[in-house]
Amino acid sequence: MKSYRELDIYKLSFDLALRIHRMTLTLPKYELYEEGSQVRRSSKSIVANIVEGYGRRRYKAEFIKFLIYAHSSCDETILHLKMIQETHLLGDTLSEMITDYNELGRKINKFIQYVENEWR
């Protein structure tokens, strides 16, 4: 693997962060700076932590630490999506995103296990 760009978790988290960003721009103006801002930051944090962890891949413990941060940010993003879903009654719109973030969380967890057990 030559780059973090080859990681499935990177590709998925990047695409989801873009979807989150676009979705939040459709929220009411007051929500852009409240829950909208929170969910944008947490979704982008997933991507950033994957990239930073990969940059430290020589140090297995550091790599794992940043992958755990990415997983935590994924959980945080799900929470913010659920809050938006409930407060703005966007059931169907956000259900798919929540499902996608749950899948991302599983993939990050599997990748953490891979790094723990198989990484040089």
N, C-alpha and C. Protein backbone atom coordinates (compact mmCIF):
# COMPACT_ATOMS: atom_id res chain seq x y z
N MET A 1 0.85 -1.17 0.00
CA MET A 1 0.00 0.00 0.00
C MET A 1 0.90 1.24 0.00
N LYS A 2 0.72 2.06 -1.02
CA LYS A 2 1.60 3.21 -1.19
C LYS A 2 1.06 4.49 -0.56
N SER A 3 -0.24 4.55 -0.32
CA SER A 3 -0.83 5.79 0.16
C SER A 3 -2.09 5.50 0.96
N TYR A 4 -2.42 6.42 1.86
CA TYR A 4 -3.68 6.31 2.59
C TYR A 4 -4.86 6.38 1.64
N ARG A 5 -4.67 6.96 0.46
CA ARG A 5 -5.75 7.08 -0.52
C ARG A 5 -6.22 5.72 -1.03
N GLU A 6 -5.43 4.68 -0.80
CA GLU A 6 -5.80 3.33 -1.21
C GLU A 6 -6.67 2.62 -0.18
N LEU A 7 -6.76 3.17 1.02
CA LEU A 7 -7.55 2.54 2.08
C LEU A 7 -9.05 2.72 1.83
N ASP A 8 -9.79 1.64 1.94
CA ASP A 8 -11.25 1.72 1.78
C ASP A 8 -11.86 2.66 2.82
N ILE A 9 -11.35 2.60 4.04
CA ILE A 9 -11.90 3.46 5.09
C ILE A 9 -11.65 4.94 4.79
N TYR A 10 -10.55 5.24 4.14
CA TYR A 10 -10.30 6.63 3.74
C TYR A 10 -11.29 7.06 2.67
N LYS A 11 -11.43 6.24 1.63
CA LYS A 11 -12.33 6.59 0.52
C LYS A 11 -13.76 6.78 1.01
N LEU A 12 -14.23 5.85 1.83
CA LEU A 12 -15.59 5.93 2.33
C LEU A 12 -15.78 7.14 3.25
N SER A 13 -14.85 7.36 4.16
CA SER A 13 -14.99 8.48 5.09
C SER A 13 -14.91 9.83 4.37
N PHE A 14 -14.09 9.92 3.35
CA PHE A 14 -13.99 11.16 2.56
C PHE A 14 -15.30 11.43 1.84
N ASP A 15 -15.84 10.42 1.18
CA ASP A 15 -17.11 10.58 0.46
C ASP A 15 -18.25 10.94 1.42
N LEU A 16 -18.29 10.28 2.56
CA LEU A 16 -19.34 10.58 3.53
C LEU A 16 -19.20 12.00 4.09
N ALA A 17 -17.98 12.45 4.33
CA ALA A 17 -17.77 13.81 4.83
C ALA A 17 -18.27 14.84 3.82
N LEU A 18 -18.07 14.57 2.55
CA LEU A 18 -18.59 15.48 1.52
C LEU A 18 -20.12 15.48 1.53
N ARG A 19 -20.72 14.31 1.68
CA ARG A 19 -22.19 14.23 1.74
C ARG A 19 -22.73 14.98 2.95
N ILE A 20 -22.05 14.82 4.09
CA ILE A 20 -22.45 15.53 5.31
C ILE A 20 -22.37 17.04 5.08
N HIS A 21 -21.27 17.48 4.51
CA HIS A 21 -21.08 18.91 4.29
C HIS A 21 -22.23 19.47 3.45
N ARG A 22 -22.53 18.79 2.35
CA ARG A 22 -23.60 19.26 1.45
C ARG A 22 -24.96 19.23 2.16
N MET A 23 -25.22 18.17 2.92
CA MET A 23 -26.50 18.05 3.61
C MET A 23 -26.68 19.17 4.61
N THR A 24 -25.64 19.50 5.36
CA THR A 24 -25.79 20.52 6.40
C THR A 24 -26.07 21.90 5.81
N LEU A 25 -25.67 22.13 4.58
CA LEU A 25 -25.95 23.42 3.95
C LEU A 25 -27.43 23.62 3.66
N THR A 26 -28.22 22.53 3.75
CA THR A 26 -29.66 22.63 3.52
C THR A 26 -30.43 22.82 4.83
N LEU A 27 -29.74 22.77 5.97
CA LEU A 27 -30.40 22.95 7.26
C LEU A 27 -30.79 24.41 7.45
N PRO A 28 -31.74 24.66 8.36
CA PRO A 28 -32.09 26.05 8.66
C PRO A 28 -30.84 26.84 9.08
N LYS A 29 -30.86 28.12 8.79
CA LYS A 29 -29.68 28.96 9.01
C LYS A 29 -29.14 28.86 10.45
N TYR A 30 -30.01 28.90 11.44
CA TYR A 30 -29.54 28.83 12.83
C TYR A 30 -28.83 27.51 13.11
N GLU A 31 -29.18 26.45 12.39
CA GLU A 31 -28.59 25.14 12.64
C GLU A 31 -27.23 24.99 11.94
N LEU A 32 -26.95 25.81 10.96
CA LEU A 32 -25.65 25.75 10.28
C LEU A 32 -24.50 25.90 11.27
N TYR A 33 -24.70 26.73 12.29
CA TYR A 33 -23.63 27.03 13.24
C TYR A 33 -23.76 26.25 14.53
N GLU A 34 -24.77 25.45 14.64
CA GLU A 34 -24.96 24.64 15.84
C GLU A 34 -24.65 23.18 15.50
N GLU A 35 -25.69 22.39 15.33
CA GLU A 35 -25.50 20.97 15.05
C GLU A 35 -24.83 20.74 13.70
N GLY A 36 -25.12 21.59 12.73
CA GLY A 36 -24.50 21.46 11.41
C GLY A 36 -22.99 21.57 11.48
N SER A 37 -22.52 22.54 12.24
CA SER A 37 -21.07 22.72 12.40
C SER A 37 -20.45 21.52 13.12
N GLN A 38 -21.13 21.03 14.15
CA GLN A 38 -20.62 19.89 14.91
C GLN A 38 -20.47 18.65 14.04
N VAL A 39 -21.50 18.35 13.25
CA VAL A 39 -21.45 17.14 12.44
C VAL A 39 -20.43 17.29 11.31
N ARG A 40 -20.27 18.48 10.77
CA ARG A 40 -19.23 18.68 9.74
C ARG A 40 -17.85 18.42 10.33
N ARG A 41 -17.59 18.97 11.51
CA ARG A 41 -16.27 18.78 12.13
C ARG A 41 -16.00 17.33 12.48
N SER A 42 -16.99 16.65 13.06
CA SER A 42 -16.75 15.26 13.46
C SER A 42 -16.57 14.36 12.23
N SER A 43 -17.31 14.61 11.16
CA SER A 43 -17.16 13.78 9.96
C SER A 43 -15.80 14.00 9.30
N LYS A 44 -15.34 15.24 9.29
CA LYS A 44 -14.02 15.53 8.71
C LYS A 44 -12.90 15.04 9.60
N SER A 45 -13.16 14.95 10.90
CA SER A 45 -12.17 14.43 11.84
C SER A 45 -11.87 12.95 11.57
N ILE A 46 -12.85 12.22 11.13
CA ILE A 46 -12.63 10.81 10.80
C ILE A 46 -11.56 10.71 9.72
N VAL A 47 -11.75 11.45 8.65
CA VAL A 47 -10.81 11.43 7.52
C VAL A 47 -9.43 11.89 7.99
N ALA A 48 -9.40 13.00 8.72
CA ALA A 48 -8.12 13.56 9.16
C ALA A 48 -7.34 12.59 10.04
N ASN A 49 -8.04 11.89 10.93
CA ASN A 49 -7.36 10.94 11.81
C ASN A 49 -6.85 9.72 11.06
N ILE A 50 -7.57 9.29 10.05
CA ILE A 50 -7.08 8.17 9.22
C ILE A 50 -5.80 8.60 8.51
N VAL A 51 -5.81 9.79 7.95
CA VAL A 51 -4.64 10.29 7.23
C VAL A 51 -3.46 10.48 8.18
N GLU A 52 -3.70 11.10 9.33
CA GLU A 52 -2.60 11.32 10.28
C GLU A 52 -2.06 10.00 10.82
N GLY A 53 -2.96 9.07 11.11
CA GLY A 53 -2.51 7.76 11.58
C GLY A 53 -1.66 7.05 10.55
N TYR A 54 -2.10 7.12 9.30
CA TYR A 54 -1.32 6.48 8.23
C TYR A 54 0.06 7.12 8.11
N GLY A 55 0.12 8.41 8.32
CA GLY A 55 1.42 9.09 8.29
C GLY A 55 2.35 8.62 9.39
N ARG A 56 1.80 8.04 10.44
CA ARG A 56 2.60 7.52 11.57
C ARG A 56 2.63 6.00 11.57
N ARG A 57 2.33 5.38 10.43
CA ARG A 57 2.21 3.93 10.36
C ARG A 57 3.47 3.18 10.74
N ARG A 58 4.61 3.83 10.68
CA ARG A 58 5.86 3.20 11.09
C ARG A 58 5.81 2.83 12.58
N TYR A 59 5.04 3.60 13.32
CA TYR A 59 4.88 3.38 14.75
C TYR A 59 3.49 2.80 14.99
N LYS A 60 3.43 1.51 15.11
CA LYS A 60 2.17 0.77 15.18
C LYS A 60 1.21 1.35 16.23
N ALA A 61 1.72 1.63 17.42
CA ALA A 61 0.85 2.15 18.49
C ALA A 61 0.26 3.50 18.12
N GLU A 62 1.03 4.34 17.47
CA GLU A 62 0.53 5.65 17.02
C GLU A 62 -0.55 5.47 15.96
N PHE A 63 -0.29 4.57 15.02
CA PHE A 63 -1.25 4.29 13.96
C PHE A 63 -2.58 3.86 14.58
N ILE A 64 -2.53 2.93 15.51
CA ILE A 64 -3.73 2.42 16.16
C ILE A 64 -4.44 3.54 16.92
N LYS A 65 -3.67 4.36 17.62
CA LYS A 65 -4.26 5.46 18.39
C LYS A 65 -5.10 6.37 17.50
N PHE A 66 -4.59 6.74 16.34
CA PHE A 66 -5.33 7.63 15.45
C PHE A 66 -6.51 6.92 14.79
N LEU A 67 -6.39 5.63 14.56
CA LEU A 67 -7.54 4.89 14.05
C LEU A 67 -8.65 4.82 15.10
N ILE A 68 -8.28 4.71 16.36
CA ILE A 68 -9.27 4.73 17.44
C ILE A 68 -9.93 6.11 17.51
N TYR A 69 -9.14 7.17 17.33
CA TYR A 69 -9.73 8.53 17.27
C TYR A 69 -10.73 8.61 16.12
N ALA A 70 -10.37 8.04 14.96
CA ALA A 70 -11.27 8.06 13.81
C ALA A 70 -12.57 7.32 14.13
N HIS A 71 -12.45 6.19 14.80
CA HIS A 71 -13.63 5.41 15.18
C HIS A 71 -14.50 6.20 16.15
N SER A 72 -13.88 6.88 17.09
CA SER A 72 -14.63 7.70 18.05
C SER A 72 -15.34 8.85 17.35
N SER A 73 -14.69 9.47 16.40
CA SER A 73 -15.31 10.55 15.63
C SER A 73 -16.47 10.02 14.79
N CYS A 74 -16.36 8.79 14.34
CA CYS A 74 -17.46 8.15 13.60
C CYS A 74 -18.67 8.00 14.51
N ASP A 75 -18.45 7.54 15.73
CA ASP A 75 -19.55 7.42 16.69
C ASP A 75 -20.16 8.79 16.99
N GLU A 76 -19.32 9.80 17.13
CA GLU A 76 -19.80 11.16 17.38
C GLU A 76 -20.64 11.66 16.21
N THR A 77 -20.22 11.37 15.00
CA THR A 77 -20.96 11.79 13.82
C THR A 77 -22.34 11.15 13.79
N ILE A 78 -22.42 9.87 14.15
CA ILE A 78 -23.71 9.19 14.21
C ILE A 78 -24.63 9.88 15.22
N LEU A 79 -24.09 10.25 16.37
CA LEU A 79 -24.88 10.95 17.37
C LEU A 79 -25.44 12.26 16.81
N HIS A 80 -24.59 13.06 16.16
CA HIS A 80 -25.06 14.34 15.61
C HIS A 80 -26.10 14.12 14.52
N LEU A 81 -25.92 13.11 13.69
CA LEU A 81 -26.91 12.81 12.66
C LEU A 81 -28.25 12.43 13.28
N LYS A 82 -28.21 11.65 14.35
CA LYS A 82 -29.46 11.27 15.03
C LYS A 82 -30.14 12.49 15.65
N MET A 83 -29.34 13.40 16.20
CA MET A 83 -29.92 14.63 16.76
C MET A 83 -30.59 15.46 15.67
N ILE A 84 -29.93 15.61 14.54
CA ILE A 84 -30.52 16.36 13.42
C ILE A 84 -31.77 15.64 12.92
N GLN A 85 -31.69 14.34 12.82
CA GLN A 85 -32.82 13.54 12.35
C GLN A 85 -34.05 13.75 13.24
N GLU A 86 -33.84 13.74 14.53
CA GLU A 86 -34.96 13.88 15.48
C GLU A 86 -35.47 15.32 15.57
N THR A 87 -34.57 16.28 15.57
CA THR A 87 -35.01 17.67 15.75
C THR A 87 -35.59 18.28 14.48
N HIS A 88 -35.24 17.74 13.33
CA HIS A 88 -35.74 18.30 12.07
C HIS A 88 -36.59 17.31 11.29
N LEU A 89 -36.90 16.16 11.91
CA LEU A 89 -37.77 15.15 11.31
C LEU A 89 -37.32 14.77 9.90
N LEU A 90 -36.03 14.48 9.77
CA LEU A 90 -35.45 14.10 8.48
C LEU A 90 -35.19 12.60 8.46
N GLY A 91 -36.17 11.81 8.83
CA GLY A 91 -36.02 10.37 8.97
C GLY A 91 -35.36 9.66 7.81
N ASP A 92 -36.02 9.65 6.66
CA ASP A 92 -35.50 8.89 5.52
C ASP A 92 -34.20 9.48 4.99
N THR A 93 -34.10 10.79 5.01
CA THR A 93 -32.92 11.46 4.47
C THR A 93 -31.65 11.04 5.22
N LEU A 94 -31.74 10.97 6.53
CA LEU A 94 -30.54 10.69 7.32
C LEU A 94 -30.37 9.22 7.69
N SER A 95 -31.41 8.43 7.57
CA SER A 95 -31.29 7.00 7.90
C SER A 95 -30.20 6.32 7.07
N GLU A 96 -30.14 6.66 5.79
CA GLU A 96 -29.12 6.07 4.93
C GLU A 96 -27.71 6.49 5.36
N MET A 97 -27.56 7.76 5.71
CA MET A 97 -26.24 8.23 6.18
C MET A 97 -25.85 7.54 7.47
N ILE A 98 -26.79 7.40 8.38
CA ILE A 98 -26.49 6.73 9.65
C ILE A 98 -26.08 5.29 9.40
N THR A 99 -26.78 4.62 8.50
CA THR A 99 -26.41 3.24 8.13
C THR A 99 -25.01 3.21 7.54
N ASP A 100 -24.69 4.17 6.67
CA ASP A 100 -23.35 4.23 6.06
C ASP A 100 -22.27 4.48 7.10
N TYR A 101 -22.56 5.34 8.09
CA TYR A 101 -21.57 5.58 9.15
C TYR A 101 -21.42 4.38 10.07
N ASN A 102 -22.50 3.65 10.31
CA ASN A 102 -22.38 2.40 11.09
C ASN A 102 -21.48 1.41 10.35
N GLU A 103 -21.64 1.32 9.05
CA GLU A 103 -20.79 0.43 8.24
C GLU A 103 -19.33 0.91 8.28
N LEU A 104 -19.12 2.21 8.17
CA LEU A 104 -17.77 2.76 8.26
C LEU A 104 -17.14 2.40 9.61
N GLY A 105 -17.92 2.54 10.68
CA GLY A 105 -17.41 2.19 12.01
C GLY A 105 -16.97 0.74 12.08
N ARG A 106 -17.75 -0.16 11.48
CA ARG A 106 -17.36 -1.58 11.46
C ARG A 106 -16.06 -1.78 10.68
N LYS A 107 -15.95 -1.09 9.55
CA LYS A 107 -14.74 -1.22 8.74
C LYS A 107 -13.51 -0.66 9.46
N ILE A 108 -13.67 0.45 10.13
CA ILE A 108 -12.54 1.01 10.90
C ILE A 108 -12.14 0.02 11.99
N ASN A 109 -13.13 -0.55 12.68
CA ASN A 109 -12.84 -1.51 13.74
C ASN A 109 -12.09 -2.72 13.20
N LYS A 110 -12.51 -3.23 12.05
CA LYS A 110 -11.81 -4.37 11.43
C LYS A 110 -10.39 -3.98 11.04
N PHE A 111 -10.23 -2.75 10.55
CA PHE A 111 -8.89 -2.32 10.17
C PHE A 111 -7.99 -2.16 11.40
N ILE A 112 -8.55 -1.68 12.50
CA ILE A 112 -7.79 -1.60 13.76
C ILE A 112 -7.32 -3.00 14.15
N GLN A 113 -8.21 -3.98 14.08
CA GLN A 113 -7.84 -5.36 14.41
C GLN A 113 -6.75 -5.87 13.48
N TYR A 114 -6.85 -5.54 12.20
CA TYR A 114 -5.82 -5.94 11.24
C TYR A 114 -4.47 -5.33 11.62
N VAL A 115 -4.46 -4.05 11.91
CA VAL A 115 -3.20 -3.39 12.27
C VAL A 115 -2.64 -3.98 13.55
N GLU A 116 -3.49 -4.23 14.54
CA GLU A 116 -3.03 -4.83 15.80
C GLU A 116 -2.39 -6.20 15.58
N ASN A 117 -2.98 -7.00 14.72
CA ASN A 117 -2.54 -8.39 14.59
C ASN A 117 -1.58 -8.67 13.43
N GLU A 118 -1.66 -7.89 12.37
CA GLU A 118 -0.91 -8.22 11.15
C GLU A 118 0.13 -7.19 10.74
N TRP A 119 0.02 -5.98 11.27
CA TRP A 119 0.93 -4.91 10.84
C TRP A 119 2.34 -5.21 11.29
N ARG A 120 3.28 -4.99 10.44
CA ARG A 120 4.69 -5.29 10.74
C ARG A 120 5.04 -4.85 12.09
